[in-house]
Amino acid sequence: SGFCTVPSVPYAWQPVGTVSEVPAFPSRRLNVLGFLSREGRAFFHPVEGRVGSEAIADALDRFAPWRGNGRPCVVVLDHAPWHTSRAIRARLDGWAAQGIVLHYLPTYSPELNLIEGLWRKITYDGLPLTGYESFASLKKAVLAVLDGVGSEYQITFS
């Protein structure tokens, strides 16, 4: 998922007669590549700026030893070009040897990916308005929320 200083605030509550303002200005983008299990364990790989096949491969390489339980792991992806590139396909056997198998969702079905609910929650509810004051404050706010996933912030799948 990607975050920038142009907020996604659909509405806000404030006392009658007052105006709440959120600054909006273009900035760099903080992209977060995330892995989320049904048990709520999460691994995040933040990337400032553009994400391509190399960033995806780097995230998978860093995720492989972190998961550590030795059981096979299915990583669910959409059909973004950087998920299906030649560079990614060339590394499938290496990840499979580490117990990681990539599974691609049907086209136009993000609701089938568990982590999409987390991205939506962070985007619309999880960031304080002060997080949009600068790129540095945005990055700090996003990383603080991500650090709390699984402990301070619980996700239940049923």
Protein backbone atom coordinates (compact mmCIF):
# COMPACT_ATOMS: atom_id res chain seq x y z
CA SER A 1 0.00 0.00 0.00
CA GLY A 2 1.11 3.57 -0.50
CA PHE A 3 0.86 6.62 1.73
CA CYS A 4 1.46 10.29 0.95
CA THR A 5 0.65 13.70 2.43
CA VAL A 6 -2.56 14.04 0.44
CA PRO A 7 -4.91 12.61 3.09
CA SER A 8 -7.77 10.19 2.57
CA VAL A 9 -10.11 11.75 5.09
CA PRO A 10 -13.68 11.26 3.88
CA TYR A 11 -15.22 13.12 6.85
CA ALA A 12 -14.35 14.37 10.32
CA TRP A 13 -16.21 15.34 13.48
CA GLN A 14 -15.73 18.75 15.02
CA PRO A 15 -17.73 21.07 17.28
CA VAL A 16 -20.44 23.12 15.57
CA GLY A 17 -19.04 26.39 14.28
CA THR A 18 -15.43 25.22 14.04
CA VAL A 19 -13.52 24.17 10.98
CA SER A 20 -10.99 21.35 10.93
CA GLU A 21 -8.34 21.65 8.28
CA VAL A 22 -5.88 19.09 7.09
CA PRO A 23 -2.94 20.28 5.02
CA ALA A 24 -2.63 18.64 1.62
CA PHE A 25 0.50 18.94 -0.49
CA PRO A 26 2.42 16.64 -2.78
CA SER A 27 5.27 14.70 -1.21
CA ARG A 28 7.32 11.58 -1.65
CA ARG A 29 5.40 8.37 -1.27
CA LEU A 30 5.90 5.79 1.45
CA ASN A 31 5.04 2.38 0.05
CA VAL A 32 4.69 -0.53 2.43
CA LEU A 33 4.95 -4.13 1.31
CA GLY A 34 3.23 -6.26 3.90
CA PHE A 35 2.73 -9.86 4.90
CA LEU A 36 -0.14 -10.73 7.25
CA SER A 37 -1.10 -14.14 8.61
CA ARG A 38 -4.55 -15.24 9.76
CA GLU A 39 -3.10 -15.36 13.29
CA GLY A 40 -2.30 -11.62 13.09
CA ARG A 41 1.47 -11.93 12.70
CA ALA A 42 2.72 -9.24 10.38
CA PHE A 43 5.91 -8.30 8.57
CA PHE A 44 6.30 -4.94 6.85
CA HIS A 45 8.89 -3.67 4.40
CA PRO A 46 8.68 0.12 3.88
CA VAL A 47 10.06 1.61 0.66
CA GLU A 48 10.32 5.32 -0.04
CA GLY A 49 9.41 6.10 -3.62
CA ARG A 50 8.79 3.78 -6.52
CA VAL A 51 8.22 0.06 -6.04
CA GLY A 52 9.25 -2.33 -8.76
CA SER A 53 10.22 -5.98 -9.07
CA GLU A 54 13.48 -5.47 -7.16
CA ALA A 55 11.65 -4.05 -4.13
CA ILE A 56 9.20 -6.96 -4.24
CA ALA A 57 12.06 -9.48 -4.42
CA ASP A 58 13.91 -7.71 -1.60
CA ALA A 59 10.78 -7.81 0.59
CA LEU A 60 10.30 -11.54 -0.08
CA ASP A 61 13.98 -12.21 0.66
CA ARG A 62 13.71 -10.38 3.99
CA PHE A 63 10.40 -12.05 4.84
CA ALA A 64 11.66 -15.62 4.24
CA PRO A 65 13.91 -15.91 7.32
CA TRP A 66 11.57 -13.80 9.50
CA ARG A 67 8.66 -16.22 9.24
CA GLY A 68 10.96 -18.87 10.76
CA ASN A 69 8.48 -21.64 11.53
CA GLY A 70 9.60 -23.97 8.74
CA ARG A 71 6.04 -24.57 7.56
CA PRO A 72 5.14 -23.83 3.94
CA CYS A 73 3.82 -20.32 3.38
CA VAL A 74 1.55 -19.01 0.64
CA VAL A 75 2.02 -15.35 -0.27
CA VAL A 76 -1.06 -13.89 -1.97
CA LEU A 77 -0.48 -11.27 -4.67
CA ASP A 78 -2.50 -9.45 -7.27
CA HIS A 79 -1.50 -9.29 -10.93
CA ALA A 80 0.45 -6.03 -10.76
CA PRO A 81 3.24 -6.07 -13.36
CA TRP A 82 5.94 -5.93 -10.66
CA HIS A 83 4.44 -9.06 -9.03
CA THR A 84 4.46 -11.06 -12.26
CA SER A 85 7.65 -9.81 -13.92
CA ARG A 86 10.35 -11.99 -15.40
CA ALA A 87 12.63 -11.03 -12.47
CA ILE A 88 10.08 -12.38 -9.97
CA ARG A 89 9.35 -15.54 -11.97
CA ALA A 90 13.10 -16.25 -12.15
CA ARG A 91 13.25 -16.44 -8.33
CA LEU A 92 10.20 -18.63 -7.71
CA ASP A 93 12.24 -21.84 -7.29
CA GLY A 94 14.53 -20.21 -4.72
CA TRP A 95 11.60 -19.02 -2.64
CA ALA A 96 9.88 -22.40 -3.01
CA ALA A 97 13.02 -24.02 -1.59
CA GLN A 98 12.55 -21.76 1.45
CA GLY A 99 8.91 -22.82 1.75
CA ILE A 100 7.37 -19.73 0.12
CA VAL A 101 4.92 -20.14 -2.74
CA LEU A 102 3.34 -17.21 -4.56
CA HIS A 103 -0.38 -17.39 -5.31
CA TYR A 104 -2.02 -14.88 -7.64
CA LEU A 105 -5.57 -13.72 -7.03
CA PRO A 106 -8.13 -13.59 -9.80
CA THR A 107 -8.17 -10.24 -11.58
CA TYR A 108 -10.09 -7.43 -9.84
CA SER A 109 -10.58 -9.24 -6.53
CA PRO A 110 -8.61 -7.36 -3.84
CA GLU A 111 -11.26 -8.32 -1.26
CA LEU A 112 -9.76 -11.83 -1.29
CA ASN A 113 -6.43 -10.54 0.04
CA LEU A 114 -6.48 -10.39 3.86
CA ILE A 115 -4.10 -7.45 4.10
CA GLU A 116 -6.35 -5.16 2.06
CA GLY A 117 -8.54 -4.66 5.14
CA LEU A 118 -5.52 -3.50 7.11
CA TRP A 119 -4.48 -1.03 4.39
CA ARG A 120 -8.03 0.35 4.29
CA LYS A 121 -8.16 0.73 8.08
CA ILE A 122 -4.83 2.55 8.20
CA THR A 123 -5.71 4.81 5.27
CA TYR A 124 -9.13 5.89 6.54
CA ASP A 125 -8.97 5.52 10.34
CA GLY A 126 -5.49 4.72 11.57
CA LEU A 127 -3.46 7.85 10.97
CA PRO A 128 -3.75 10.95 13.15
CA LEU A 129 -4.36 14.21 11.30
CA THR A 130 -0.95 15.40 12.52
CA GLY A 131 0.56 12.65 10.39
CA TYR A 132 -0.16 14.72 7.30
CA GLU A 133 1.88 17.76 8.36
CA SER A 134 5.04 16.61 6.56
CA PHE A 135 6.49 13.52 4.93
CA ALA A 136 8.54 12.87 8.08
CA SER A 137 5.44 12.99 10.30
CA LEU A 138 3.54 10.78 7.84
CA LYS A 139 6.32 8.19 7.84
CA LYS A 140 6.51 8.26 11.64
CA ALA A 141 2.72 7.85 11.97
CA VAL A 142 2.53 4.98 9.45
CA LEU A 143 5.45 3.12 11.04
CA ALA A 144 3.94 3.59 14.52
CA VAL A 145 0.68 1.99 13.38
CA LEU A 146 2.54 -0.85 11.68
CA ASP A 147 4.61 -1.47 14.82
CA GLY A 148 1.36 -1.92 16.76
CA VAL A 149 -0.19 -4.48 14.42
CA GLY A 150 -0.59 -7.75 16.31
CA SER A 151 -0.18 -6.17 19.75
CA GLU A 152 -1.88 -2.77 20.07
CA TYR A 153 -3.99 -3.33 16.95
CA GLN A 154 -5.66 -6.73 16.57
CA ILE A 155 -7.26 -8.08 13.41
CA THR A 156 -9.73 -10.93 13.67
CA PHE A 157 -10.59 -13.01 10.62
CA SER A 158 -13.75 -15.05 10.88
